[in-house]
Protein backbone atom coordinates (compact mmCIF):
# COMPACT_ATOMS: atom_id res chain seq x y z
CA MET A 1 -48.46 7.83 33.31
CA ASN A 2 -46.87 11.26 32.77
CA LYS A 3 -44.47 10.62 35.68
CA LYS A 4 -43.27 7.42 33.98
CA ILE A 5 -42.57 9.33 30.78
CA ILE A 6 -40.78 12.10 32.67
CA VAL A 7 -38.57 9.52 34.45
CA ALA A 8 -38.05 7.35 31.33
CA PHE A 9 -36.97 10.25 29.10
CA PRO A 10 -33.74 11.09 30.99
CA VAL A 11 -32.88 7.39 31.26
CA LEU A 12 -33.41 6.97 27.51
CA LEU A 13 -31.34 10.10 26.87
CA ILE A 14 -28.48 8.73 28.99
CA LEU A 15 -28.59 5.38 27.14
CA VAL A 16 -28.53 7.03 23.72
CA SER A 17 -25.69 9.36 24.77
CA SER A 18 -23.73 6.42 26.15
CA CYS A 19 -24.08 4.51 22.86
CA LEU A 20 -23.00 7.54 20.85
CA CYS A 21 -20.00 8.08 23.11
CA ARG A 22 -18.95 4.48 22.61
CA LEU A 23 -19.09 4.95 18.85
CA ASP A 24 -17.02 8.10 19.10
CA THR A 25 -14.57 6.30 21.39
CA ARG A 26 -14.19 3.50 18.85
CA LYS A 27 -13.63 6.08 16.11
CA LEU A 28 -11.08 7.86 18.30
CA LEU A 29 -9.18 4.69 19.27
CA LEU A 30 -9.33 2.75 16.00
CA GLY A 31 -9.88 5.47 13.43
CA CYS A 32 -13.00 3.76 12.08
CA TYR A 33 -16.45 2.44 12.96
CA TRP A 34 -17.29 -1.28 12.88
CA GLN A 35 -18.61 -1.35 9.33
CA ASP A 36 -15.66 0.67 8.01
CA CYS A 37 -12.81 -1.11 9.80
CA VAL A 38 -10.78 -3.62 7.82
CA PRO A 39 -10.84 -7.25 9.02
CA GLU A 40 -8.20 -8.84 11.21
CA ARG A 41 -5.54 -10.63 9.13
CA ASN A 42 -3.34 -13.59 10.08
CA PHE A 43 -0.29 -12.13 8.29
CA HIS A 44 1.72 -8.91 8.42
CA VAL A 45 3.26 -6.74 5.68
CA LEU A 46 6.73 -7.63 6.97
CA ASP A 47 6.07 -11.19 5.71
CA TRP A 48 6.18 -10.03 2.07
CA LYS A 49 9.86 -9.57 1.29
CA ILE A 50 10.96 -9.85 -2.35
CA PRO A 51 13.58 -12.63 -2.47
CA ALA A 52 17.18 -11.71 -3.37
CA GLU A 53 17.25 -14.22 -6.24
CA MET A 54 14.78 -12.03 -8.16
CA PHE A 55 17.56 -9.45 -8.58
CA SER A 56 20.92 -9.58 -10.37
CA GLU A 57 23.83 -11.41 -8.80
CA GLY A 58 25.55 -9.27 -6.18
CA ALA A 59 22.56 -7.04 -5.51
CA LEU A 60 22.24 -5.87 -1.92
CA VAL A 61 18.75 -6.78 -0.75
CA SER A 62 17.56 -5.55 2.65
CA ASP A 63 15.02 -7.23 4.85
CA MET A 64 11.58 -5.68 5.14
CA MET A 65 11.86 -2.86 7.64
CA ILE A 66 9.35 -0.72 9.50
CA PRO A 67 9.93 2.87 8.33
CA SER A 68 10.84 5.50 10.91
CA GLU A 69 7.91 7.72 9.95
CA GLY A 70 4.32 6.83 9.15
CA ALA A 71 1.38 8.44 7.47
CA GLY A 72 -1.64 6.90 9.16
CA GLU A 73 -1.14 3.29 8.16
CA ILE A 74 -1.64 0.44 10.67
CA GLU A 75 1.15 -1.66 9.14
CA SER A 76 4.06 -0.56 7.00
CA GLY A 77 7.11 -2.17 5.46
CA ASP A 78 9.91 -1.01 3.18
CA GLN A 79 12.58 -2.98 1.36
CA ASN A 80 15.58 -1.42 -0.40
CA ILE A 81 17.65 -3.04 -3.15
CA PHE A 82 20.91 -1.75 -4.68
CA TRP A 83 23.08 -3.10 -7.51
CA ASP A 84 25.98 -1.96 -9.67
CA ASN A 85 27.64 -0.07 -6.79
CA GLY A 86 24.44 1.85 -6.09
CA ASN A 87 23.90 2.99 -9.69
CA GLY A 88 20.82 0.77 -9.81
CA SER A 89 18.18 0.70 -7.09
CA ALA A 90 14.68 -0.41 -6.26
CA ILE A 91 12.30 0.22 -3.40
CA TYR A 92 9.32 -1.85 -2.35
CA ILE A 93 6.77 -0.27 -0.01
CA ILE A 94 3.64 -1.93 1.32
CA ASN A 95 1.19 -0.20 3.66
CA ARG A 96 -2.02 -1.36 5.28
CA TYR A 97 -4.72 1.14 6.27
CA ARG A 98 -7.59 1.03 8.79
CA THR A 99 -10.18 1.59 6.06
CA VAL A 100 -10.45 0.97 2.35
CA LYS A 101 -11.28 4.67 1.95
CA ALA A 102 -7.89 5.63 3.44
CA ALA A 103 -6.17 3.12 1.12
CA VAL A 104 -7.94 4.61 -1.92
CA GLU A 105 -6.74 8.09 -0.92
CA GLU A 106 -3.15 6.85 -0.47
CA TYR A 107 -3.23 5.03 -3.82
CA GLN A 108 -4.24 8.29 -5.51
CA SER A 109 -1.34 10.13 -3.87
CA ARG A 110 1.10 7.36 -4.90
CA LEU A 111 0.21 7.92 -8.55
CA LYS A 112 2.00 11.28 -8.27
CA LEU A 113 5.26 9.40 -7.60
CA LEU A 114 5.11 7.89 -11.10
CA ALA A 115 6.10 11.14 -12.78
CA ASP A 116 9.14 12.84 -14.24
CA ASP A 117 11.21 14.23 -11.37
CA GLU A 118 11.72 17.67 -12.95
CA THR A 119 8.67 18.30 -15.13
CA LYS A 120 6.17 16.28 -13.02
CA THR A 121 4.78 14.87 -16.29
CA PRO A 122 3.11 11.52 -15.53
CA TRP A 123 5.00 8.48 -16.74
CA THR A 124 3.37 6.32 -19.39
CA SER A 125 2.59 2.63 -19.44
CA PRO A 126 5.33 0.86 -21.41
CA SER A 127 4.37 -1.21 -24.43
CA ASN A 128 6.90 -3.91 -23.50
CA THR A 129 5.15 -4.82 -20.23
CA THR A 130 1.84 -6.60 -20.60
CA PHE A 131 0.94 -7.69 -17.07
CA SER A 132 -2.20 -6.36 -15.44
CA SER A 133 -3.46 -7.71 -12.13
CA SER A 134 -6.77 -9.54 -12.16
CA THR A 135 -7.18 -9.16 -8.38
CA ALA A 136 -5.98 -5.63 -7.57
CA ASP A 137 -8.70 -3.04 -7.08
CA GLU A 138 -6.46 -0.42 -8.68
CA PHE A 139 -3.23 -1.05 -10.57
CA LEU A 140 -0.77 0.89 -12.72
CA ILE A 141 2.66 0.23 -14.24
CA ALA A 142 4.39 3.26 -15.72
CA CYS A 143 7.92 4.22 -16.79
CA GLY A 144 9.77 7.43 -17.42
CA ASN A 145 12.74 9.59 -16.51
CA TRP A 146 13.81 10.02 -12.93
CA ILE A 147 16.77 11.67 -11.21
CA PHE A 148 19.45 9.30 -12.55
CA GLY A 149 17.84 7.84 -15.66
CA LYS A 150 15.14 5.44 -16.77
CA ARG A 151 12.84 4.08 -14.07
CA CYS A 152 9.64 2.04 -13.86
CA GLY A 153 7.12 1.89 -11.09
CA MET A 154 4.10 -0.14 -10.12
CA THR A 155 1.50 1.03 -7.68
CA ALA A 156 -1.53 -0.99 -6.72
CA ARG A 157 -4.31 -1.27 -4.16
CA TYR A 158 -5.62 -4.58 -2.88
CA ASN A 159 -8.47 -3.85 -0.43
CA GLU A 160 -6.74 -1.94 2.40
CA TYR A 161 -3.19 -2.56 1.13
CA VAL A 162 -1.29 -0.06 -1.03
CA ILE A 163 1.88 -1.16 -2.83
CA LEU A 164 4.67 0.74 -4.54
CA PHE A 165 7.55 -0.94 -6.38
CA HIS A 166 9.97 1.43 -8.10
CA ALA A 167 13.18 0.35 -9.93
CA THR A 168 15.98 1.60 -12.16
CA ILE A 169 15.82 0.09 -15.65
CA ASP A 170 19.31 -0.81 -16.86
CA ASP A 171 21.37 -3.78 -18.04
CA LYS A 172 20.80 -5.50 -14.65
CA MET A 173 17.06 -4.75 -14.44
CA SER A 174 15.27 -5.12 -17.76
CA TYR A 175 11.59 -4.46 -18.37
CA SER A 176 11.12 -8.23 -18.27
CA ASP A 177 12.92 -8.49 -14.89
CA PHE A 178 10.78 -5.66 -13.55
CA GLU A 179 7.59 -7.32 -14.75
CA LYS A 180 8.57 -10.67 -13.15
CA ILE A 181 8.92 -8.94 -9.79
CA VAL A 182 5.55 -7.20 -10.24
CA VAL A 183 3.95 -10.59 -11.02
CA TYR A 184 5.59 -12.03 -7.87
CA ILE A 185 4.27 -9.16 -5.70
CA ASP A 186 0.79 -9.54 -7.18
CA SER A 187 0.77 -13.30 -6.56
CA GLN A 188 1.86 -12.84 -2.93
CA LEU A 189 -1.00 -10.45 -2.19
CA SER A 190 -3.54 -12.33 -4.28
CA ASN A 191 -2.78 -15.68 -2.64
CA ARG A 192 -3.16 -14.26 0.86
CA LEU A 193 -6.16 -12.00 0.28
CA TYR A 194 -8.10 -14.12 -2.22
CA PRO A 195 -7.25 -17.79 -1.47
């Protein structure tokens, strides 16, 4: 009986080590364990372009592009918009992360982008925008001063997705125009993630 235990112990040790190595391999390859990994999706962030007709006539609206640099996301897309000979601009960024935890951390860092460029004072939520997402896990609209004038931004987290929409507020992009685009972005994510 003791010989069986002596032989079984190394075999059991090898099996346990093998299982642990597989878990570490999954963590190494995917950046998460099974229970932490986000589900497979049948859509990609590049599918979520803001249509040109949501901006003023003559605005230059790019396609969604994959940025040249990443910060740990598994999917990333950027869209740039310019109007009034470049005096007005907007940027739309959507990133997808391997885990919700990573998305939460990125959302928190994005909040720092909604601040005065010089003083770093956080922007405030404007009284003339009333929209608040009913599906986003975290959501903030704020406005303030930026390099070339008044600007508003929206950042949100929907499960593993983190969004940033940032735009100049001027005669071609009113608070109402900004809010309509935010509602559009929210509906696109909500309809795909929470059908």
